[in-house]
Amino acid sequence: MKSLEDLDKGFFSKFKQKEWIDSASYEELLRKWRFAEIGDPFFTGEIGQYYAKKIDEKRNEVGNEEHVRISKKIGWQRK
């Protein structure tokens, strides 16, 4: 059974993750999405679903041309 302290840590961790997702630009979200390590906590469970929803919303906000520009800027290889 998790202690109250452990549960609080989990809550604040999720809160901070959601806070970062909400404040990130589309470019920041796409870069993290593209280059994250397998099993990155941002892409699993409830936070992963939230991330997918928000990146989709922000992608629709920026439109196709801006998405393509950002995607080309980021590329596919880590630097």
C-alpha atoms as a PDB file:
ATOM      1  CA  MET A   1       0.000   0.000   0.000  1.00  0.00           C
ATOM      2  CA  LYS A   2       1.349   3.410  -0.951  1.00  0.00           C
ATOM      3  CA  SER A   3       1.891   5.954   1.761  1.00  0.00           C
ATOM      4  CA  LEU A   4       0.110   9.298   1.666  1.00  0.00           C
ATOM      5  CA  GLU A   5       3.475  10.922   0.911  1.00  0.00           C
ATOM      6  CA  ASP A   6       3.965   8.665  -2.139  1.00  0.00           C
ATOM      7  CA  LEU A   7       0.454   9.444  -3.351  1.00  0.00           C
ATOM      8  CA  ASP A   8       1.109  13.178  -2.962  1.00  0.00           C
ATOM      9  CA  LYS A   9       4.328  12.845  -4.982  1.00  0.00           C
ATOM     10  CA  GLY A  10       2.400  11.104  -7.750  1.00  0.00           C
ATOM     11  CA  PHE A  11      -0.273  13.797  -7.772  1.00  0.00           C
ATOM     12  CA  PHE A  12       2.208  16.651  -7.884  1.00  0.00           C
ATOM     13  CA  SER A  13       4.249  14.885 -10.522  1.00  0.00           C
ATOM     14  CA  LYS A  14       1.142  14.539 -12.726  1.00  0.00           C
ATOM     15  CA  PHE A  15       0.173  18.127 -11.970  1.00  0.00           C
ATOM     16  CA  LYS A  16       3.620  19.395 -12.990  1.00  0.00           C
ATOM     17  CA  GLN A  17       3.613  17.234 -16.127  1.00  0.00           C
ATOM     18  CA  LYS A  18       0.213  18.599 -17.164  1.00  0.00           C
ATOM     19  CA  GLU A  19       1.374  22.115 -16.361  1.00  0.00           C
ATOM     20  CA  TRP A  20       4.404  21.665 -18.652  1.00  0.00           C
ATOM     21  CA  ILE A  21       2.274  20.155 -21.430  1.00  0.00           C
ATOM     22  CA  ASP A  22      -0.179  23.055 -21.244  1.00  0.00           C
ATOM     23  CA  SER A  23       2.558  25.685 -21.409  1.00  0.00           C
ATOM     24  CA  ALA A  24       4.700  24.005 -24.095  1.00  0.00           C
ATOM     25  CA  SER A  25       4.663  25.187 -27.683  1.00  0.00           C
ATOM     26  CA  TYR A  26       3.722  22.814 -30.476  1.00  0.00           C
ATOM     27  CA  GLU A  27       7.396  22.622 -31.410  1.00  0.00           C
ATOM     28  CA  GLU A  28       8.392  21.608 -27.868  1.00  0.00           C
ATOM     29  CA  LEU A  29       5.653  18.971 -27.741  1.00  0.00           C
ATOM     30  CA  LEU A  30       6.568  17.547 -31.142  1.00  0.00           C
ATOM     31  CA  ARG A  31      10.279  17.466 -30.302  1.00  0.00           C
ATOM     32  CA  LYS A  32       9.615  15.571 -27.062  1.00  0.00           C
ATOM     33  CA  TRP A  33       7.159  13.250 -28.844  1.00  0.00           C
ATOM     34  CA  ARG A  34       9.650  12.465 -31.589  1.00  0.00           C
ATOM     35  CA  PHE A  35      12.773  11.931 -29.490  1.00  0.00           C
ATOM     36  CA  ALA A  36      11.513  10.545 -26.174  1.00  0.00           C
ATOM     37  CA  GLU A  37      12.968   7.316 -24.861  1.00  0.00           C
ATOM     38  CA  ILE A  38      10.766   4.227 -24.854  1.00  0.00           C
ATOM     39  CA  GLY A  39       8.699   4.177 -21.670  1.00  0.00           C
ATOM     40  CA  ASP A  40       8.931   7.931 -21.060  1.00  0.00           C
ATOM     41  CA  PRO A  41       6.303   8.693 -18.373  1.00  0.00           C
ATOM     42  CA  PHE A  42       4.941  11.546 -20.495  1.00  0.00           C
ATOM     43  CA  PHE A  43       3.605   8.962 -22.950  1.00  0.00           C
ATOM     44  CA  THR A  44       2.083   6.343 -20.666  1.00  0.00           C
ATOM     45  CA  GLY A  45      -1.214   6.109 -18.846  1.00  0.00           C
ATOM     46  CA  GLU A  46      -3.335   9.142 -18.073  1.00  0.00           C
ATOM     47  CA  ILE A  47      -0.524  11.611 -18.807  1.00  0.00           C
ATOM     48  CA  GLY A  48       0.145   9.954 -22.170  1.00  0.00           C
ATOM     49  CA  GLN A  49      -3.505  10.309 -23.141  1.00  0.00           C
ATOM     50  CA  TYR A  50      -3.481  13.940 -22.020  1.00  0.00           C
ATOM     51  CA  TYR A  51      -0.276  14.594 -24.010  1.00  0.00           C
ATOM     52  CA  ALA A  52      -1.770  13.049 -27.164  1.00  0.00           C
ATOM     53  CA  LYS A  53      -4.919  15.147 -26.794  1.00  0.00           C
ATOM     54  CA  LYS A  54      -2.989  18.395 -26.281  1.00  0.00           C
ATOM     55  CA  ILE A  55      -0.475  17.847 -29.095  1.00  0.00           C
ATOM     56  CA  ASP A  56      -3.387  17.106 -31.438  1.00  0.00           C
ATOM     57  CA  GLU A  57      -5.164  20.309 -30.347  1.00  0.00           C
ATOM     58  CA  LYS A  58      -2.024  22.407 -30.772  1.00  0.00           C
ATOM     59  CA  ARG A  59      -1.302  20.811 -34.145  1.00  0.00           C
ATOM     60  CA  ASN A  60      -4.766  21.832 -35.325  1.00  0.00           C
ATOM     61  CA  GLU A  61      -4.172  25.357 -33.990  1.00  0.00           C
ATOM     62  CA  VAL A  62      -0.908  25.859 -35.901  1.00  0.00           C
ATOM     63  CA  GLY A  63      -2.245  24.398 -39.154  1.00  0.00           C
ATOM     64  CA  ASN A  64      -0.626  22.186 -41.752  1.00  0.00           C
ATOM     65  CA  GLU A  65       1.949  24.616 -43.177  1.00  0.00           C
ATOM     66  CA  GLU A  66       3.328  25.503 -39.742  1.00  0.00           C
ATOM     67  CA  HIS A  67       3.337  21.842 -38.729  1.00  0.00           C
ATOM     68  CA  VAL A  68       5.429  20.967 -41.797  1.00  0.00           C
ATOM     69  CA  ARG A  69       7.837  23.845 -41.124  1.00  0.00           C
ATOM     70  CA  ILE A  70       8.297  22.794 -37.497  1.00  0.00           C
ATOM     71  CA  SER A  71       8.628  19.118 -38.421  1.00  0.00           C
ATOM     72  CA  LYS A  72      11.360  19.875 -40.963  1.00  0.00           C
ATOM     73  CA  LYS A  73      13.127  22.144 -38.468  1.00  0.00           C
ATOM     74  CA  ILE A  74      13.165  19.388 -35.840  1.00  0.00           C
ATOM     75  CA  GLY A  75      14.136  16.606 -38.244  1.00  0.00           C
ATOM     76  CA  TRP A  76      14.336  12.943 -37.308  1.00  0.00           C
ATOM     77  CA  GLN A  77      17.818  12.649 -35.816  1.00  0.00           C
ATOM     78  CA  ARG A  78      18.803  13.707 -32.337  1.00  0.00           C
ATOM     79  CA  LYS A  79      21.421  16.376 -32.213  1.00  0.00           C
END
